[in-house]
All heavy atoms as atom14 arrays in JSON, in Angstrom:
{
  "sequence": "PMDHLGGRIGGRRLGILGMGRIGQAVARRARAFGMQIHYHNRRRVHD",
  "atom14_mask": [
    [1, 1, 1, 1, 1, 1, 1, 0, 0, 0, 0, 0, 0, 0],
    [1, 1, 1, 1, 1, 1, 1, 1, 0, 0, 0, 0, 0, 0],
    [1, 1, 1, 1, 1, 1, 1, 1, 0, 0, 0, 0, 0, 0],
    [1, 1, 1, 1, 1, 1, 1, 1, 1, 1, 0, 0, 0, 0],
    [1, 1, 1, 1, 1, 1, 1, 1, 0, 0, 0, 0, 0, 0],
    [1, 1, 1, 1, 0, 0, 0, 0, 0, 0, 0, 0, 0, 0],
    [1, 1, 1, 1, 0, 0, 0, 0, 0, 0, 0, 0, 0, 0],
    [1, 1, 1, 1, 1, 1, 1, 1, 1, 1, 1, 0, 0, 0],
    [1, 1, 1, 1, 1, 1, 1, 1, 0, 0, 0, 0, 0, 0],
    [1, 1, 1, 1, 0, 0, 0, 0, 0, 0, 0, 0, 0, 0],
    [1, 1, 1, 1, 0, 0, 0, 0, 0, 0, 0, 0, 0, 0],
    [1, 1, 1, 1, 1, 1, 1, 1, 1, 1, 1, 0, 0, 0],
    [1, 1, 1, 1, 1, 1, 1, 1, 1, 1, 1, 0, 0, 0],
    [1, 1, 1, 1, 1, 1, 1, 1, 0, 0, 0, 0, 0, 0],
    [1, 1, 1, 1, 0, 0, 0, 0, 0, 0, 0, 0, 0, 0],
    [1, 1, 1, 1, 1, 1, 1, 1, 0, 0, 0, 0, 0, 0],
    [1, 1, 1, 1, 1, 1, 1, 1, 0, 0, 0, 0, 0, 0],
    [1, 1, 1, 1, 0, 0, 0, 0, 0, 0, 0, 0, 0, 0],
    [1, 1, 1, 1, 1, 1, 1, 1, 0, 0, 0, 0, 0, 0],
    [1, 1, 1, 1, 0, 0, 0, 0, 0, 0, 0, 0, 0, 0],
    [1, 1, 1, 1, 1, 1, 1, 1, 1, 1, 1, 0, 0, 0],
    [1, 1, 1, 1, 1, 1, 1, 1, 0, 0, 0, 0, 0, 0],
    [1, 1, 1, 1, 0, 0, 0, 0, 0, 0, 0, 0, 0, 0],
    [1, 1, 1, 1, 1, 1, 1, 1, 1, 0, 0, 0, 0, 0],
    [1, 1, 1, 1, 1, 0, 0, 0, 0, 0, 0, 0, 0, 0],
    [1, 1, 1, 1, 1, 1, 1, 0, 0, 0, 0, 0, 0, 0],
    [1, 1, 1, 1, 1, 0, 0, 0, 0, 0, 0, 0, 0, 0],
    [1, 1, 1, 1, 1, 1, 1, 1, 1, 1, 1, 0, 0, 0],
    [1, 1, 1, 1, 1, 1, 1, 1, 1, 1, 1, 0, 0, 0],
    [1, 1, 1, 1, 1, 0, 0, 0, 0, 0, 0, 0, 0, 0],
    [1, 1, 1, 1, 1, 1, 1, 1, 1, 1, 1, 0, 0, 0],
    [1, 1, 1, 1, 1, 0, 0, 0, 0, 0, 0, 0, 0, 0],
    [1, 1, 1, 1, 1, 1, 1, 1, 1, 1, 1, 0, 0, 0],
    [1, 1, 1, 1, 0, 0, 0, 0, 0, 0, 0, 0, 0, 0],
    [1, 1, 1, 1, 1, 1, 1, 1, 0, 0, 0, 0, 0, 0],
    [1, 1, 1, 1, 1, 1, 1, 1, 1, 0, 0, 0, 0, 0],
    [1, 1, 1, 1, 1, 1, 1, 1, 0, 0, 0, 0, 0, 0],
    [1, 1, 1, 1, 1, 1, 1, 1, 1, 1, 0, 0, 0, 0],
    [1, 1, 1, 1, 1, 1, 1, 1, 1, 1, 1, 1, 0, 0],
    [1, 1, 1, 1, 1, 1, 1, 1, 1, 1, 0, 0, 0, 0],
    [1, 1, 1, 1, 1, 1, 1, 1, 0, 0, 0, 0, 0, 0],
    [1, 1, 1, 1, 1, 1, 1, 1, 1, 1, 1, 0, 0, 0],
    [1, 1, 1, 1, 1, 1, 1, 1, 1, 1, 1, 0, 0, 0],
    [1, 1, 1, 1, 1, 1, 1, 1, 1, 1, 1, 0, 0, 0],
    [1, 1, 1, 1, 1, 1, 1, 0, 0, 0, 0, 0, 0, 0],
    [1, 1, 1, 1, 1, 1, 1, 1, 1, 1, 0, 0, 0, 0],
    [1, 1, 1, 1, 1, 1, 1, 1, 0, 0, 0, 0, 0, 0]
  ],
  "atom14_positions": [
    [[-61.82, -25.87, 30.53], [-60.47, -25.25, 30.29], [-59.57, -26.07, 29.36], [-58.78, -25.52, 28.67], [-59.92, -25.16, 31.71], [-61.07, -25.14, 32.58], [-62.11, -25.99, 31.97], [0.0, 0.0, 0.0], [0.0, 0.0, 0.0], [0.0, 0.0, 0.0], [0.0, 0.0, 0.0], [0.0, 0.0, 0.0], [0.0, 0.0, 0.0], [0.0, 0.0, 0.0]],
    [[-59.67, -27.36, 29.41], [-58.69, -28.17, 28.64], [-59.34, -28.83, 27.42], [-58.72, -29.72, 26.79], [-58.15, -29.29, 29.61], [-57.38, -28.71, 30.79], [-56.03, -27.64, 30.27], [-54.97, -28.83, 29.44], [0.0, 0.0, 0.0], [0.0, 0.0, 0.0], [0.0, 0.0, 0.0], [0.0, 0.0, 0.0], [0.0, 0.0, 0.0], [0.0, 0.0, 0.0]],
    [[-60.55, -28.4, 27.03], [-61.19, -28.97, 25.85], [-60.74, -28.27, 24.62], [-60.48, -27.04, 24.61], [-62.68, -28.87, 25.93], [-63.31, -30.02, 26.84], [-62.5, -30.84, 27.26], [-64.53, -29.97, 27.1], [0.0, 0.0, 0.0], [0.0, 0.0, 0.0], [0.0, 0.0, 0.0], [0.0, 0.0, 0.0], [0.0, 0.0, 0.0], [0.0, 0.0, 0.0]],
    [[-60.64, -29.07, 23.51], [-60.44, -28.55, 22.16], [-59.14, -27.68, 22.05], [-59.21, -26.65, 21.32], [-61.66, -27.71, 21.68], [-62.95, -28.34, 21.96], [-63.89, -27.94, 22.88], [-63.47, -29.57, 21.48], [-64.95, -28.7, 22.94], [-64.71, -29.72, 22.09], [0.0, 0.0, 0.0], [0.0, 0.0, 0.0], [0.0, 0.0, 0.0], [0.0, 0.0, 0.0]],
    [[-58.11, -28.02, 22.7], [-56.95, -27.21, 22.68], [-56.2, -27.34, 21.4], [-55.75, -28.51, 21.05], [-56.0, -27.58, 23.86], [-56.55, -27.27, 25.25], [-55.45, -27.66, 26.32], [-56.92, -25.79, 25.44], [0.0, 0.0, 0.0], [0.0, 0.0, 0.0], [0.0, 0.0, 0.0], [0.0, 0.0, 0.0], [0.0, 0.0, 0.0], [0.0, 0.0, 0.0]],
    [[-56.06, -26.26, 20.66], [-55.22, -26.29, 19.42], [-53.93, -25.55, 19.75], [-53.42, -25.55, 20.84], [0.0, 0.0, 0.0], [0.0, 0.0, 0.0], [0.0, 0.0, 0.0], [0.0, 0.0, 0.0], [0.0, 0.0, 0.0], [0.0, 0.0, 0.0], [0.0, 0.0, 0.0], [0.0, 0.0, 0.0], [0.0, 0.0, 0.0], [0.0, 0.0, 0.0]],
    [[-53.41, -24.91, 18.67], [-52.14, -24.23, 18.86], [-52.23, -22.81, 18.36], [-53.17, -22.44, 17.58], [0.0, 0.0, 0.0], [0.0, 0.0, 0.0], [0.0, 0.0, 0.0], [0.0, 0.0, 0.0], [0.0, 0.0, 0.0], [0.0, 0.0, 0.0], [0.0, 0.0, 0.0], [0.0, 0.0, 0.0], [0.0, 0.0, 0.0], [0.0, 0.0, 0.0]],
    [[-51.32, -21.96, 18.77], [-51.22, -20.56, 18.28], [-50.4, -20.53, 16.99], [-49.29, -21.1, 16.97], [-50.61, -19.74, 19.38], [-50.49, -18.24, 18.98], [-49.84, -17.53, 20.18], [-50.74, -17.49, 21.31], [-50.3, -17.17, 22.58], [-49.01, -16.92, 22.79], [-51.15, -17.24, 23.59], [0.0, 0.0, 0.0], [0.0, 0.0, 0.0], [0.0, 0.0, 0.0]],
    [[-50.84, -19.87, 15.98], [-50.09, -19.86, 14.69], [-49.06, -18.72, 14.7], [-48.06, -18.74, 13.96], [-51.0, -19.84, 13.47], [-51.75, -18.51, 13.35], [-51.88, -21.05, 13.43], [-52.43, -18.4, 11.99], [0.0, 0.0, 0.0], [0.0, 0.0, 0.0], [0.0, 0.0, 0.0], [0.0, 0.0, 0.0], [0.0, 0.0, 0.0], [0.0, 0.0, 0.0]],
    [[-49.32, -17.65, 15.52], [-48.36, -16.62, 15.55], [-47.01, -17.09, 16.08], [-46.94, -17.84, 17.06], [0.0, 0.0, 0.0], [0.0, 0.0, 0.0], [0.0, 0.0, 0.0], [0.0, 0.0, 0.0], [0.0, 0.0, 0.0], [0.0, 0.0, 0.0], [0.0, 0.0, 0.0], [0.0, 0.0, 0.0], [0.0, 0.0, 0.0], [0.0, 0.0, 0.0]],
    [[-45.91, -16.69, 15.45], [-44.63, -17.14, 15.86], [-44.15, -18.41, 15.19], [-42.97, -18.79, 15.37], [0.0, 0.0, 0.0], [0.0, 0.0, 0.0], [0.0, 0.0, 0.0], [0.0, 0.0, 0.0], [0.0, 0.0, 0.0], [0.0, 0.0, 0.0], [0.0, 0.0, 0.0], [0.0, 0.0, 0.0], [0.0, 0.0, 0.0], [0.0, 0.0, 0.0]],
    [[-45.02, -19.11, 14.56], [-44.65, -20.4, 13.9], [-43.86, -20.07, 12.58], [-44.07, -19.08, 11.92], [-45.87, -21.28, 13.55], [-46.54, -21.75, 14.85], [-47.4, -22.92, 14.58], [-48.17, -23.34, 15.77], [-48.64, -24.51, 16.02], [-48.54, -25.49, 15.09], [-49.3, -24.78, 17.15], [0.0, 0.0, 0.0], [0.0, 0.0, 0.0], [0.0, 0.0, 0.0]],
    [[-43.03, -21.04, 12.23], [-42.22, -20.93, 10.94], [-43.04, -21.55, 9.84], [-43.43, -22.77, 9.93], [-40.9, -21.64, 11.1], [-39.91, -20.97, 12.07], [-38.52, -21.6, 11.86], [-37.6, -21.03, 12.84], [-37.09, -21.69, 13.84], [-37.5, -22.87, 14.13], [-36.26, -21.06, 14.63], [0.0, 0.0, 0.0], [0.0, 0.0, 0.0], [0.0, 0.0, 0.0]],
    [[-43.3, -20.8, 8.87], [-44.05, -21.24, 7.67], [-43.05, -21.43, 6.5], [-42.44, -20.47, 6.1], [-45.18, -20.28, 7.24], [-45.81, -20.55, 5.93], [-46.66, -21.91, 6.01], [-46.75, -19.42, 5.55], [0.0, 0.0, 0.0], [0.0, 0.0, 0.0], [0.0, 0.0, 0.0], [0.0, 0.0, 0.0], [0.0, 0.0, 0.0], [0.0, 0.0, 0.0]],
    [[-42.96, -22.61, 5.99], [-42.08, -22.95, 4.84], [-42.98, -23.03, 3.61], [-43.79, -23.91, 3.47], [0.0, 0.0, 0.0], [0.0, 0.0, 0.0], [0.0, 0.0, 0.0], [0.0, 0.0, 0.0], [0.0, 0.0, 0.0], [0.0, 0.0, 0.0], [0.0, 0.0, 0.0], [0.0, 0.0, 0.0], [0.0, 0.0, 0.0], [0.0, 0.0, 0.0]],
    [[-42.73, -22.08, 2.69], [-43.52, -22.0, 1.46], [-42.75, -22.74, 0.32], [-41.62, -22.29, 0.01], [-43.86, -20.54, 1.08], [-44.72, -19.89, 2.21], [-44.58, -20.49, -0.25], [-44.94, -18.47, 1.99], [0.0, 0.0, 0.0], [0.0, 0.0, 0.0], [0.0, 0.0, 0.0], [0.0, 0.0, 0.0], [0.0, 0.0, 0.0], [0.0, 0.0, 0.0]],
    [[-43.28, -23.71, -0.26], [-42.67, -24.44, -1.35], [-43.24, -23.92, -2.75], [-44.35, -24.28, -3.09], [-42.93, -25.9, -1.2], [-42.41, -26.92, -2.25], [-40.92, -26.63, -2.58], [-42.56, -28.3, -1.78], [0.0, 0.0, 0.0], [0.0, 0.0, 0.0], [0.0, 0.0, 0.0], [0.0, 0.0, 0.0], [0.0, 0.0, 0.0], [0.0, 0.0, 0.0]],
    [[-42.56, -23.0, -3.29], [-42.98, -22.29, -4.49], [-43.42, -20.86, -4.17], [-44.43, -20.65, -3.65], [0.0, 0.0, 0.0], [0.0, 0.0, 0.0], [0.0, 0.0, 0.0], [0.0, 0.0, 0.0], [0.0, 0.0, 0.0], [0.0, 0.0, 0.0], [0.0, 0.0, 0.0], [0.0, 0.0, 0.0], [0.0, 0.0, 0.0], [0.0, 0.0, 0.0]],
    [[-42.51, -19.91, -4.58], [-42.68, -18.52, -4.22], [-43.14, -17.73, -5.4], [-42.58, -16.65, -5.69], [-41.49, -17.94, -3.52], [-41.71, -16.7, -2.71], [-42.81, -16.97, -1.35], [-42.08, -15.88, -0.14], [0.0, 0.0, 0.0], [0.0, 0.0, 0.0], [0.0, 0.0, 0.0], [0.0, 0.0, 0.0], [0.0, 0.0, 0.0], [0.0, 0.0, 0.0]],
    [[-44.19, -18.21, -6.12], [-44.74, -17.47, -7.2], [-45.83, -16.55, -6.74], [-45.79, -16.06, -5.57], [0.0, 0.0, 0.0], [0.0, 0.0, 0.0], [0.0, 0.0, 0.0], [0.0, 0.0, 0.0], [0.0, 0.0, 0.0], [0.0, 0.0, 0.0], [0.0, 0.0, 0.0], [0.0, 0.0, 0.0], [0.0, 0.0, 0.0], [0.0, 0.0, 0.0]],
    [[-46.79, -16.24, -7.56], [-47.88, -15.38, -7.13], [-48.64, -15.83, -5.92], [-48.89, -15.03, -5.01], [-48.84, -15.18, -8.28], [-48.38, -14.44, -9.51], [-49.48, -14.25, -10.54], [-49.11, -13.6, -11.74], [-48.71, -14.31, -12.85], [-48.67, -15.64, -12.83], [-48.35, -13.62, -13.91], [0.0, 0.0, 0.0], [0.0, 0.0, 0.0], [0.0, 0.0, 0.0]],
    [[-48.95, -17.12, -5.87], [-49.65, -17.68, -4.76], [-48.83, -17.68, -3.51], [-49.22, -17.26, -2.43], [-50.25, -19.05, -5.11], [-51.23, -19.03, -6.26], [-50.93, -19.67, -3.86], [-51.72, -20.35, -6.75], [0.0, 0.0, 0.0], [0.0, 0.0, 0.0], [0.0, 0.0, 0.0], [0.0, 0.0, 0.0], [0.0, 0.0, 0.0], [0.0, 0.0, 0.0]],
    [[-47.58, -18.14, -3.66], [-46.68, -18.26, -2.49], [-46.46, -16.87, -1.91], [-46.48, -16.77, -0.64], [0.0, 0.0, 0.0], [0.0, 0.0, 0.0], [0.0, 0.0, 0.0], [0.0, 0.0, 0.0], [0.0, 0.0, 0.0], [0.0, 0.0, 0.0], [0.0, 0.0, 0.0], [0.0, 0.0, 0.0], [0.0, 0.0, 0.0], [0.0, 0.0, 0.0]],
    [[-46.33, -15.85, -2.71], [-46.15, -14.49, -2.14], [-47.44, -13.99, -1.46], [-47.37, -13.31, -0.43], [-45.73, -13.55, -3.24], [-44.33, -13.86, -3.76], [-43.92, -13.01, -4.96], [-44.28, -11.79, -5.09], [-43.12, -13.53, -5.89], [0.0, 0.0, 0.0], [0.0, 0.0, 0.0], [0.0, 0.0, 0.0], [0.0, 0.0, 0.0], [0.0, 0.0, 0.0]],
    [[-48.56, -14.31, -2.06], [-49.88, -13.97, -1.43], [-50.01, -14.64, -0.1], [-50.55, -14.05, 0.9], [-51.02, -14.24, -2.34], [0.0, 0.0, 0.0], [0.0, 0.0, 0.0], [0.0, 0.0, 0.0], [0.0, 0.0, 0.0], [0.0, 0.0, 0.0], [0.0, 0.0, 0.0], [0.0, 0.0, 0.0], [0.0, 0.0, 0.0], [0.0, 0.0, 0.0]],
    [[-49.59, -15.9, 0.0], [-49.66, -16.63, 1.26], [-48.75, -15.98, 2.27], [-49.09, -15.78, 3.42], [-49.25, -18.11, 1.11], [-49.05, -18.78, 2.39], [-50.28, -18.88, 0.25], [0.0, 0.0, 0.0], [0.0, 0.0, 0.0], [0.0, 0.0, 0.0], [0.0, 0.0, 0.0], [0.0, 0.0, 0.0], [0.0, 0.0, 0.0], [0.0, 0.0, 0.0]],
    [[-47.57, -15.58, 1.83], [-46.57, -14.98, 2.76], [-47.15, -13.68, 3.32], [-46.95, -13.4, 4.49], [-45.24, -14.7, 1.96], [0.0, 0.0, 0.0], [0.0, 0.0, 0.0], [0.0, 0.0, 0.0], [0.0, 0.0, 0.0], [0.0, 0.0, 0.0], [0.0, 0.0, 0.0], [0.0, 0.0, 0.0], [0.0, 0.0, 0.0], [0.0, 0.0, 0.0]],
    [[-47.76, -12.84, 2.49], [-48.35, -11.57, 3.01], [-49.36, -11.85, 4.1], [-49.42, -11.13, 5.12], [-48.94, -10.76, 1.87], [-47.85, -10.18, 0.92], [-48.49, -9.13, 0.01], [-49.54, -9.65, -0.76], [-49.33, -10.2, -2.0], [-48.11, -10.23, -2.51], [-50.3, -10.7, -2.79], [0.0, 0.0, 0.0], [0.0, 0.0, 0.0], [0.0, 0.0, 0.0]],
    [[-50.27, -12.79, 3.87], [-51.24, -13.13, 4.85], [-50.61, -13.73, 6.16], [-51.02, -13.35, 7.25], [-52.25, -14.11, 4.31], [-53.2, -13.49, 3.2], [-53.81, -14.45, 2.3], [-54.8, -13.89, 1.43], [-54.5, -13.15, 0.39], [-53.26, -12.92, 0.13], [-55.52, -12.62, -0.35], [0.0, 0.0, 0.0], [0.0, 0.0, 0.0], [0.0, 0.0, 0.0]],
    [[-49.68, -14.61, 5.99], [-49.05, -15.24, 7.13], [-48.32, -14.18, 7.97], [-48.33, -14.37, 9.16], [-48.14, -16.34, 6.64], [0.0, 0.0, 0.0], [0.0, 0.0, 0.0], [0.0, 0.0, 0.0], [0.0, 0.0, 0.0], [0.0, 0.0, 0.0], [0.0, 0.0, 0.0], [0.0, 0.0, 0.0], [0.0, 0.0, 0.0], [0.0, 0.0, 0.0]],
    [[-47.64, -13.27, 7.35], [-46.98, -12.2, 8.12], [-48.0, -11.44, 9.03], [-47.72, -11.11, 10.14], [-46.31, -11.23, 7.19], [-44.94, -11.71, 6.7], [-44.23, -10.54, 5.98], [-44.02, -9.45, 6.91], [-44.13, -8.19, 6.5], [-44.53, -7.81, 5.3], [-43.89, -7.19, 7.35], [0.0, 0.0, 0.0], [0.0, 0.0, 0.0], [0.0, 0.0, 0.0]],
    [[-49.15, -11.23, 8.47], [-50.19, -10.53, 9.25], [-50.63, -11.32, 10.46], [-51.06, -10.72, 11.43], [-51.39, -10.16, 8.38], [0.0, 0.0, 0.0], [0.0, 0.0, 0.0], [0.0, 0.0, 0.0], [0.0, 0.0, 0.0], [0.0, 0.0, 0.0], [0.0, 0.0, 0.0], [0.0, 0.0, 0.0], [0.0, 0.0, 0.0], [0.0, 0.0, 0.0]],
    [[-50.48, -12.62, 10.41], [-50.78, -13.51, 11.55], [-49.61, -13.68, 12.51], [-49.63, -14.46, 13.46], [-51.24, -14.89, 11.08], [-52.65, -14.9, 10.68], [-53.1, -14.53, 9.4], [-53.67, -15.35, 11.58], [-54.41, -14.58, 9.03], [-54.99, -15.41, 11.19], [-55.43, -15.01, 9.96], [0.0, 0.0, 0.0], [0.0, 0.0, 0.0], [0.0, 0.0, 0.0]],
    [[-48.5, -13.02, 12.16], [-47.33, -13.1, 13.03], [-46.42, -14.28, 12.72], [-45.58, -14.64, 13.63], [0.0, 0.0, 0.0], [0.0, 0.0, 0.0], [0.0, 0.0, 0.0], [0.0, 0.0, 0.0], [0.0, 0.0, 0.0], [0.0, 0.0, 0.0], [0.0, 0.0, 0.0], [0.0, 0.0, 0.0], [0.0, 0.0, 0.0], [0.0, 0.0, 0.0]],
    [[-46.53, -14.91, 11.59], [-45.72, -16.07, 11.35], [-44.37, -15.62, 10.73], [-44.26, -14.54, 10.14], [-46.45, -17.01, 10.32], [-47.79, -17.51, 10.87], [-48.63, -18.62, 9.73], [-47.69, -20.07, 9.95], [0.0, 0.0, 0.0], [0.0, 0.0, 0.0], [0.0, 0.0, 0.0], [0.0, 0.0, 0.0], [0.0, 0.0, 0.0], [0.0, 0.0, 0.0]],
    [[-43.37, -16.54, 10.85], [-42.07, -16.32, 10.26], [-42.01, -16.96, 8.87], [-42.38, -18.16, 8.76], [-40.97, -16.82, 11.14], [-40.91, -16.26, 12.52], [-39.97, -16.97, 13.47], [-38.92, -17.43, 12.97], [-40.27, -17.04, 14.73], [0.0, 0.0, 0.0], [0.0, 0.0, 0.0], [0.0, 0.0, 0.0], [0.0, 0.0, 0.0], [0.0, 0.0, 0.0]],
    [[-41.63, -16.2, 7.82], [-41.76, -16.71, 6.51], [-40.38, -17.29, 5.98], [-39.4, -16.59, 5.99], [-42.19, -15.54, 5.53], [-43.4, -14.83, 6.14], [-42.39, -16.07, 4.12], [-44.58, -15.77, 6.34], [0.0, 0.0, 0.0], [0.0, 0.0, 0.0], [0.0, 0.0, 0.0], [0.0, 0.0, 0.0], [0.0, 0.0, 0.0], [0.0, 0.0, 0.0]],
    [[-40.44, -18.44, 5.46], [-39.3, -19.13, 4.85], [-39.79, -19.67, 3.52], [-41.03, -19.94, 3.3], [-38.83, -20.23, 5.76], [-38.3, -19.87, 7.05], [-36.96, -19.76, 7.37], [-38.92, -19.37, 8.18], [-36.8, -19.35, 8.62], [-37.97, -19.1, 9.14], [0.0, 0.0, 0.0], [0.0, 0.0, 0.0], [0.0, 0.0, 0.0], [0.0, 0.0, 0.0]],
    [[-38.87, -19.89, 2.62], [-39.31, -20.36, 1.26], [-38.2, -21.08, 0.49], [-37.05, -20.85, 0.75], [-39.92, -19.26, 0.39], [-38.86, -18.4, -0.28], [-38.51, -18.57, -1.63], [-38.25, -17.3, 0.4], [-37.54, -17.74, -2.2], [-37.39, -16.48, -0.23], [-37.02, -16.72, -1.54], [-36.03, -15.87, -2.19], [0.0, 0.0, 0.0], [0.0, 0.0, 0.0]],
    [[-38.6, -22.04, -0.31], [-37.79, -22.7, -1.26], [-38.39, -22.49, -2.64], [-39.6, -22.68, -2.81], [-37.64, -24.14, -0.96], [-36.93, -24.98, -1.97], [-35.56, -25.01, -2.1], [-37.4, -25.73, -3.02], [-35.19, -25.79, -3.11], [-36.32, -26.23, -3.73], [0.0, 0.0, 0.0], [0.0, 0.0, 0.0], [0.0, 0.0, 0.0], [0.0, 0.0, 0.0]],
    [[-37.59, -22.17, -3.61], [-38.08, -21.85, -4.97], [-37.08, -22.3, -5.96], [-35.86, -22.39, -5.67], [-38.4, -20.34, -5.08], [-39.43, -20.1, -6.17], [-40.45, -20.73, -6.23], [-39.04, -19.16, -7.04], [0.0, 0.0, 0.0], [0.0, 0.0, 0.0], [0.0, 0.0, 0.0], [0.0, 0.0, 0.0], [0.0, 0.0, 0.0], [0.0, 0.0, 0.0]],
    [[-37.49, -22.55, -7.21], [-36.56, -22.87, -8.24], [-35.49, -21.81, -8.44], [-34.32, -22.02, -8.63], [-37.33, -23.14, -9.52], [-36.44, -23.61, -10.66], [-37.32, -24.07, -11.89], [-38.29, -23.13, -12.3], [-39.07, -23.22, -13.32], [-39.02, -24.35, -14.03], [-39.96, -22.27, -13.63], [0.0, 0.0, 0.0], [0.0, 0.0, 0.0], [0.0, 0.0, 0.0]],
    [[-36.01, -20.54, -8.3], [-35.01, -19.43, -8.38], [-35.35, -18.5, -7.16], [-36.51, -18.27, -6.85], [-35.2, -18.6, -9.65], [-34.96, -19.39, -10.94], [-35.08, -18.5, -12.16], [-34.91, -19.27, -13.35], [-35.93, -19.88, -14.03], [-37.18, -19.72, -13.52], [-35.76, -20.5, -15.11], [0.0, 0.0, 0.0], [0.0, 0.0, 0.0], [0.0, 0.0, 0.0]],
    [[-34.34, -17.92, -6.63], [-34.53, -17.02, -5.55], [-35.24, -15.73, -6.01], [-34.93, -15.22, -7.05], [-33.15, -16.57, -4.96], [-33.2, -15.79, -3.64], [-31.86, -15.7, -2.99], [-31.91, -15.02, -1.71], [-30.95, -14.99, -0.84], [-29.83, -15.66, -1.1], [-31.15, -14.35, 0.36], [0.0, 0.0, 0.0], [0.0, 0.0, 0.0], [0.0, 0.0, 0.0]],
    [[-36.21, -15.17, -5.25], [-36.96, -14.05, -5.67], [-36.04, -12.83, -5.52], [-35.06, -12.88, -4.77], [-38.31, -13.88, -4.95], [-39.16, -15.13, -5.18], [-38.07, -13.71, -3.45], [0.0, 0.0, 0.0], [0.0, 0.0, 0.0], [0.0, 0.0, 0.0], [0.0, 0.0, 0.0], [0.0, 0.0, 0.0], [0.0, 0.0, 0.0], [0.0, 0.0, 0.0]],
    [[-36.51, -11.69, -6.05], [-35.81, -10.49, -6.0], [-35.62, -9.97, -4.5], [-36.55, -10.26, -3.69], [-36.48, -9.38, -6.76], [-35.64, -8.2, -7.06], [-35.57, -7.1, -6.2], [-34.84, -7.87, -8.1], [-34.75, -6.25, -6.69], [-34.28, -6.6, -7.86], [0.0, 0.0, 0.0], [0.0, 0.0, 0.0], [0.0, 0.0, 0.0], [0.0, 0.0, 0.0]],
    [[-34.53, -9.29, -4.27], [-34.3, -8.79, -2.92], [-35.44, -7.99, -2.33], [-35.71, -8.09, -1.17], [-33.04, -7.97, -2.88], [-31.74, -8.86, -3.04], [-31.86, -10.06, -2.84], [-30.63, -8.24, -3.18], [0.0, 0.0, 0.0], [0.0, 0.0, 0.0], [0.0, 0.0, 0.0], [0.0, 0.0, 0.0], [0.0, 0.0, 0.0], [0.0, 0.0, 0.0]]
  ]
}
């Protein structure tokens, strides 16, 4: 029961550094896993 205990990624806050093509692709996948998406970028992406 207590072996190899990791963590649940659903519900975790993911901070993406760089919201270009790759960052947005990461965000789409992470949302499907139930993660909360945050980001920092040189420019804010479109609404």
